[in-house]
């Protein structure tokens, strides 16, 4: 029989995209107030993998990935998603969302994103939030799954996420000392 234990802490990550880097920076300040200081902020990346958000948010979207220095418990992910939904709501204009905030976490084994949308590979967590198994870590790299979004499957993002995982592993090691 297995004995339940406590899960390791995980590295909180956000994908922020909007038309305006100023709005991304403003949102990052809000997230920092809630979750502590960032320890990684990606360069601005064109969000041009899909036109899914164009009707709602406009074209020429840009993105930044952000990770927070403080590790979190994985069971906190639904709370983070609900809080980021509130931030998105506060920043709407004329009932149009101006920023998209996708929270998730990096662990030793995978990248999980939080979503409010059910699907076969998304187990229900609680409060209307599901865990999207986006990438798995195998063979010393993050590996794409059949349902991985194209932007997360991009080689540049996979390498970036691998570096984030390395930093996370160092944090875990330092916490155990």
C-alpha atoms as a PDB file:
ATOM      1  CA  UNK A   1       0.000   0.000   0.000  1.00  0.00           C
ATOM      2  CA  UNK A   2       1.276   3.470  -0.790  1.00  0.00           C
ATOM      3  CA  UNK A   3       1.490   6.012   1.982  1.00  0.00           C
ATOM      4  CA  UNK A   4       0.347   9.517   1.090  1.00  0.00           C
ATOM      5  CA  UNK A   5       3.006  12.156   1.429  1.00  0.00           C
ATOM      6  CA  UNK A   6       3.410  15.831   0.816  1.00  0.00           C
ATOM      7  CA  UNK A   7       4.146  16.971  -2.719  1.00  0.00           C
ATOM      8  CA  UNK A   8       7.283  18.993  -3.369  1.00  0.00           C
ATOM      9  CA  UNK A   9       6.913  22.686  -3.875  1.00  0.00           C
ATOM     10  CA  UNK A  10       6.792  23.840  -7.495  1.00  0.00           C
ATOM     11  CA  UNK A  11       7.894  26.854  -9.530  1.00  0.00           C
ATOM     12  CA  UNK A  12       5.079  29.295 -10.315  1.00  0.00           C
ATOM     13  CA  UNK A  13       5.059  30.463 -13.927  1.00  0.00           C
ATOM     14  CA  UNK A  14       2.856  32.907 -15.789  1.00  0.00           C
ATOM     15  CA  UNK A  15       2.330  33.510 -19.472  1.00  0.00           C
ATOM     16  CA  UNK A  16       1.135  37.082 -19.992  1.00  0.00           C
ATOM     17  CA  UNK A  17       0.010  38.338 -23.371  1.00  0.00           C
ATOM     18  CA  UNK A  18      -1.571  41.555 -24.559  1.00  0.00           C
ATOM     19  CA  UNK A  19      -1.126  44.202 -27.247  1.00  0.00           C
ATOM     20  CA  UNK A  20       0.827  46.487 -24.946  1.00  0.00           C
ATOM     21  CA  UNK A  21       4.002  45.743 -22.972  1.00  0.00           C
ATOM     22  CA  UNK A  22       3.016  48.501 -20.527  1.00  0.00           C
ATOM     23  CA  UNK A  23      -0.111  46.524 -19.617  1.00  0.00           C
ATOM     24  CA  UNK A  24       2.007  43.395 -19.179  1.00  0.00           C
ATOM     25  CA  UNK A  25       4.333  45.321 -16.843  1.00  0.00           C
ATOM     26  CA  UNK A  26       1.377  46.714 -14.877  1.00  0.00           C
ATOM     27  CA  UNK A  27      -0.014  43.195 -14.514  1.00  0.00           C
ATOM     28  CA  UNK A  28       3.379  41.933 -13.427  1.00  0.00           C
ATOM     29  CA  UNK A  29       3.369  44.489 -10.595  1.00  0.00           C
ATOM     30  CA  UNK A  30      -0.016  43.160  -9.460  1.00  0.00           C
ATOM     31  CA  UNK A  31       1.238  39.570  -9.602  1.00  0.00           C
ATOM     32  CA  UNK A  32       4.402  40.520  -7.702  1.00  0.00           C
ATOM     33  CA  UNK A  33       2.314  42.059  -4.930  1.00  0.00           C
ATOM     34  CA  UNK A  34       0.433  38.764  -4.587  1.00  0.00           C
ATOM     35  CA  UNK A  35       3.147  36.148  -5.247  1.00  0.00           C
ATOM     36  CA  UNK A  36       6.482  37.806  -4.532  1.00  0.00           C
ATOM     37  CA  UNK A  37       9.239  38.996  -6.780  1.00  0.00           C
ATOM     38  CA  UNK A  38       9.867  37.511 -10.203  1.00  0.00           C
ATOM     39  CA  UNK A  39      13.166  35.760 -10.745  1.00  0.00           C
ATOM     40  CA  UNK A  40      12.760  35.442 -14.508  1.00  0.00           C
ATOM     41  CA  UNK A  41      11.070  37.668 -17.086  1.00  0.00           C
ATOM     42  CA  UNK A  42      11.403  36.623 -20.705  1.00  0.00           C
ATOM     43  CA  UNK A  43      12.064  39.013 -23.518  1.00  0.00           C
ATOM     44  CA  UNK A  44       9.006  40.178 -25.445  1.00  0.00           C
ATOM     45  CA  UNK A  45       7.866  37.400 -27.775  1.00  0.00           C
ATOM     46  CA  UNK A  46       5.416  37.803 -30.648  1.00  0.00           C
ATOM     47  CA  UNK A  47       2.277  35.800 -29.881  1.00  0.00           C
ATOM     48  CA  UNK A  48       1.558  34.735 -33.443  1.00  0.00           C
ATOM     49  CA  UNK A  49       0.884  31.013 -33.156  1.00  0.00           C
ATOM     50  CA  UNK A  50      -2.882  31.446 -33.387  1.00  0.00           C
ATOM     51  CA  UNK A  51      -5.500  34.044 -34.224  1.00  0.00           C
ATOM     52  CA  UNK A  52      -7.848  32.597 -31.569  1.00  0.00           C
ATOM     53  CA  UNK A  53      -7.634  35.751 -29.424  1.00  0.00           C
ATOM     54  CA  UNK A  54      -7.800  38.365 -32.198  1.00  0.00           C
ATOM     55  CA  UNK A  55     -11.563  38.968 -32.020  1.00  0.00           C
ATOM     56  CA  UNK A  56     -11.389  39.545 -28.274  1.00  0.00           C
ATOM     57  CA  UNK A  57      -7.975  41.132 -27.758  1.00  0.00           C
ATOM     58  CA  UNK A  58      -6.905  42.430 -31.168  1.00  0.00           C
ATOM     59  CA  UNK A  59      -3.948  41.547 -33.338  1.00  0.00           C
ATOM     60  CA  UNK A  60      -0.191  41.943 -32.876  1.00  0.00           C
ATOM     61  CA  UNK A  61      -0.215  40.386 -29.433  1.00  0.00           C
ATOM     62  CA  UNK A  62       3.011  40.101 -27.463  1.00  0.00           C
ATOM     63  CA  UNK A  63       3.910  37.764 -24.634  1.00  0.00           C
ATOM     64  CA  UNK A  64       6.245  37.476 -21.685  1.00  0.00           C
ATOM     65  CA  UNK A  65       6.854  34.439 -19.529  1.00  0.00           C
ATOM     66  CA  UNK A  66       7.478  35.162 -15.846  1.00  0.00           C
ATOM     67  CA  UNK A  67       8.480  32.944 -12.948  1.00  0.00           C
ATOM     68  CA  UNK A  68       8.359  33.835  -9.295  1.00  0.00           C
ATOM     69  CA  UNK A  69      11.208  33.396  -6.865  1.00  0.00           C
ATOM     70  CA  UNK A  70       9.032  31.934  -4.115  1.00  0.00           C
ATOM     71  CA  UNK A  71       8.029  28.307  -4.646  1.00  0.00           C
ATOM     72  CA  UNK A  72       4.413  27.295  -4.058  1.00  0.00           C
ATOM     73  CA  UNK A  73       2.485  24.193  -3.093  1.00  0.00           C
ATOM     74  CA  UNK A  74       0.980  22.583  -6.229  1.00  0.00           C
ATOM     75  CA  UNK A  75      -2.455  22.435  -4.602  1.00  0.00           C
ATOM     76  CA  UNK A  76      -2.513  26.259  -4.622  1.00  0.00           C
ATOM     77  CA  UNK A  77      -2.807  26.389  -8.425  1.00  0.00           C
ATOM     78  CA  UNK A  78      -6.624  26.759  -8.482  1.00  0.00           C
ATOM     79  CA  UNK A  79      -6.364  29.747  -6.124  1.00  0.00           C
ATOM     80  CA  UNK A  80      -3.785  31.348  -8.408  1.00  0.00           C
ATOM     81  CA  UNK A  81      -5.968  30.789 -11.490  1.00  0.00           C
ATOM     82  CA  UNK A  82      -9.037  32.252  -9.792  1.00  0.00           C
ATOM     83  CA  UNK A  83      -7.006  35.284  -8.695  1.00  0.00           C
ATOM     84  CA  UNK A  84      -5.596  35.844 -12.190  1.00  0.00           C
ATOM     85  CA  UNK A  85      -9.110  35.620 -13.625  1.00  0.00           C
ATOM     86  CA  UNK A  86     -10.044  38.490 -11.301  1.00  0.00           C
ATOM     87  CA  UNK A  87      -7.043  40.526 -12.490  1.00  0.00           C
ATOM     88  CA  UNK A  88      -8.070  39.938 -16.121  1.00  0.00           C
ATOM     89  CA  UNK A  89     -11.625  41.035 -15.279  1.00  0.00           C
ATOM     90  CA  UNK A  90     -10.439  44.253 -13.593  1.00  0.00           C
ATOM     91  CA  UNK A  91      -8.396  45.158 -16.675  1.00  0.00           C
ATOM     92  CA  UNK A  92     -11.193  44.656 -19.210  1.00  0.00           C
ATOM     93  CA  UNK A  93     -12.290  47.610 -21.310  1.00  0.00           C
ATOM     94  CA  UNK A  94     -15.695  47.774 -23.012  1.00  0.00           C
ATOM     95  CA  UNK A  95     -16.245  44.153 -21.926  1.00  0.00           C
ATOM     96  CA  UNK A  96     -13.145  43.100 -23.880  1.00  0.00           C
ATOM     97  CA  UNK A  97     -10.281  41.327 -22.194  1.00  0.00           C
ATOM     98  CA  UNK A  98      -7.042  43.260 -22.666  1.00  0.00           C
ATOM     99  CA  UNK A  99      -4.630  40.777 -21.119  1.00  0.00           C
ATOM    100  CA  UNK A 100      -4.480  37.000 -20.850  1.00  0.00           C
ATOM    101  CA  UNK A 101      -2.794  35.504 -17.795  1.00  0.00           C
ATOM    102  CA  UNK A 102      -2.087  31.784 -17.868  1.00  0.00           C
ATOM    103  CA  UNK A 103      -0.677  30.544 -14.556  1.00  0.00           C
ATOM    104  CA  UNK A 104       0.972  27.202 -14.113  1.00  0.00           C
ATOM    105  CA  UNK A 105       3.898  25.508 -12.526  1.00  0.00           C
ATOM    106  CA  UNK A 106       7.112  23.736 -13.394  1.00  0.00           C
ATOM    107  CA  UNK A 107       7.960  20.625 -11.401  1.00  0.00           C
ATOM    108  CA  UNK A 108      10.621  17.959 -11.811  1.00  0.00           C
ATOM    109  CA  UNK A 109       8.259  15.908 -13.973  1.00  0.00           C
ATOM    110  CA  UNK A 110       6.138  18.323 -15.980  1.00  0.00           C
ATOM    111  CA  UNK A 111       4.685  21.713 -16.835  1.00  0.00           C
ATOM    112  CA  UNK A 112       1.099  22.104 -15.662  1.00  0.00           C
ATOM    113  CA  UNK A 113      -1.113  25.020 -16.698  1.00  0.00           C
ATOM    114  CA  UNK A 114      -4.353  25.964 -14.979  1.00  0.00           C
ATOM    115  CA  UNK A 115      -7.475  26.305 -17.099  1.00  0.00           C
ATOM    116  CA  UNK A 116     -11.203  26.610 -16.716  1.00  0.00           C
ATOM    117  CA  UNK A 117     -11.781  24.388 -19.736  1.00  0.00           C
ATOM    118  CA  UNK A 118     -12.371  20.659 -19.371  1.00  0.00           C
ATOM    119  CA  UNK A 119     -10.833  18.146 -21.769  1.00  0.00           C
ATOM    120  CA  UNK A 120      -9.686  14.522 -21.746  1.00  0.00           C
ATOM    121  CA  UNK A 121      -6.131  15.294 -20.579  1.00  0.00           C
ATOM    122  CA  UNK A 122      -7.230  17.861 -17.983  1.00  0.00           C
ATOM    123  CA  UNK A 123      -8.103  16.438 -14.582  1.00  0.00           C
ATOM    124  CA  UNK A 124     -10.452  18.486 -12.461  1.00  0.00           C
ATOM    125  CA  UNK A 125      -8.835  20.147  -9.452  1.00  0.00           C
ATOM    126  CA  UNK A 126     -11.555  22.217  -7.751  1.00  0.00           C
ATOM    127  CA  UNK A 127     -13.660  25.364  -8.037  1.00  0.00           C
ATOM    128  CA  UNK A 128     -14.031  25.024 -11.798  1.00  0.00           C
ATOM    129  CA  UNK A 129     -10.294  24.753 -12.429  1.00  0.00           C
ATOM    130  CA  UNK A 130      -8.546  21.954 -14.322  1.00  0.00           C
ATOM    131  CA  UNK A 131      -4.870  20.979 -14.599  1.00  0.00           C
ATOM    132  CA  UNK A 132      -3.584  20.950 -18.182  1.00  0.00           C
ATOM    133  CA  UNK A 133      -0.656  18.539 -18.516  1.00  0.00           C
ATOM    134  CA  UNK A 134       1.169  20.615 -21.121  1.00  0.00           C
ATOM    135  CA  UNK A 135       4.681  19.098 -21.190  1.00  0.00           C
ATOM    136  CA  UNK A 136       6.452  16.170 -19.544  1.00  0.00           C
ATOM    137  CA  UNK A 137      10.133  16.016 -18.649  1.00  0.00           C
ATOM    138  CA  UNK A 138      11.829  12.892 -20.038  1.00  0.00           C
ATOM    139  CA  UNK A 139      15.264  12.142 -21.383  1.00  0.00           C
ATOM    140  CA  UNK A 140      16.759  15.380 -20.007  1.00  0.00           C
ATOM    141  CA  UNK A 141      14.288  17.648 -21.808  1.00  0.00           C
ATOM    142  CA  UNK A 142      10.687  18.779 -21.887  1.00  0.00           C
ATOM    143  CA  UNK A 143       8.679  16.682 -24.332  1.00  0.00           C
ATOM    144  CA  UNK A 144       5.641  17.721 -26.307  1.00  0.00           C
ATOM    145  CA  UNK A 145       2.383  15.800 -25.991  1.00  0.00           C
ATOM    146  CA  UNK A 146      -0.252  15.358 -28.721  1.00  0.00           C
ATOM    147  CA  UNK A 147      -2.339  18.194 -27.213  1.00  0.00           C
ATOM    148  CA  UNK A 148       0.487  20.615 -26.383  1.00  0.00           C
ATOM    149  CA  UNK A 149      -0.250  24.084 -27.723  1.00  0.00           C
ATOM    150  CA  UNK A 150       2.081  25.004 -30.630  1.00  0.00           C
ATOM    151  CA  UNK A 151       3.569  27.954 -28.749  1.00  0.00           C
ATOM    152  CA  UNK A 152       4.625  25.677 -25.878  1.00  0.00           C
ATOM    153  CA  UNK A 153       5.955  23.122 -28.380  1.00  0.00           C
ATOM    154  CA  UNK A 154       8.259  25.713 -29.962  1.00  0.00           C
ATOM    155  CA  UNK A 155      11.914  24.743 -29.507  1.00  0.00           C
ATOM    156  CA  UNK A 156      12.821  28.172 -28.089  1.00  0.00           C
ATOM    157  CA  UNK A 157      10.135  27.885 -25.406  1.00  0.00           C
ATOM    158  CA  UNK A 158      11.146  24.305 -24.608  1.00  0.00           C
ATOM    159  CA  UNK A 159      14.744  25.407 -24.034  1.00  0.00           C
ATOM    160  CA  UNK A 160      13.618  28.376 -21.931  1.00  0.00           C
ATOM    161  CA  UNK A 161      11.413  26.105 -19.820  1.00  0.00           C
ATOM    162  CA  UNK A 162      14.332  23.709 -19.414  1.00  0.00           C
ATOM    163  CA  UNK A 163      16.453  26.559 -17.995  1.00  0.00           C
ATOM    164  CA  UNK A 164      13.596  27.505 -15.665  1.00  0.00           C
ATOM    165  CA  UNK A 165      13.444  23.890 -14.483  1.00  0.00           C
ATOM    166  CA  UNK A 166      17.200  23.914 -13.808  1.00  0.00           C
ATOM    167  CA  UNK A 167      16.796  27.026 -11.657  1.00  0.00           C
ATOM    168  CA  UNK A 168      13.886  25.368  -9.849  1.00  0.00           C
ATOM    169  CA  UNK A 169      15.998  22.270  -9.113  1.00  0.00           C
ATOM    170  CA  UNK A 170      18.691  24.498  -7.602  1.00  0.00           C
ATOM    171  CA  UNK A 171      16.074  26.153  -5.417  1.00  0.00           C
ATOM    172  CA  UNK A 172      14.883  22.752  -4.182  1.00  0.00           C
ATOM    173  CA  UNK A 173      18.458  21.709  -3.450  1.00  0.00           C
ATOM    174  CA  UNK A 174      19.155  24.922  -1.533  1.00  0.00           C
ATOM    175  CA  UNK A 175      15.933  24.516   0.474  1.00  0.00           C
ATOM    176  CA  UNK A 176      17.030  21.046   1.626  1.00  0.00           C
ATOM    177  CA  UNK A 177      20.397  22.269   2.908  1.00  0.00           C
END
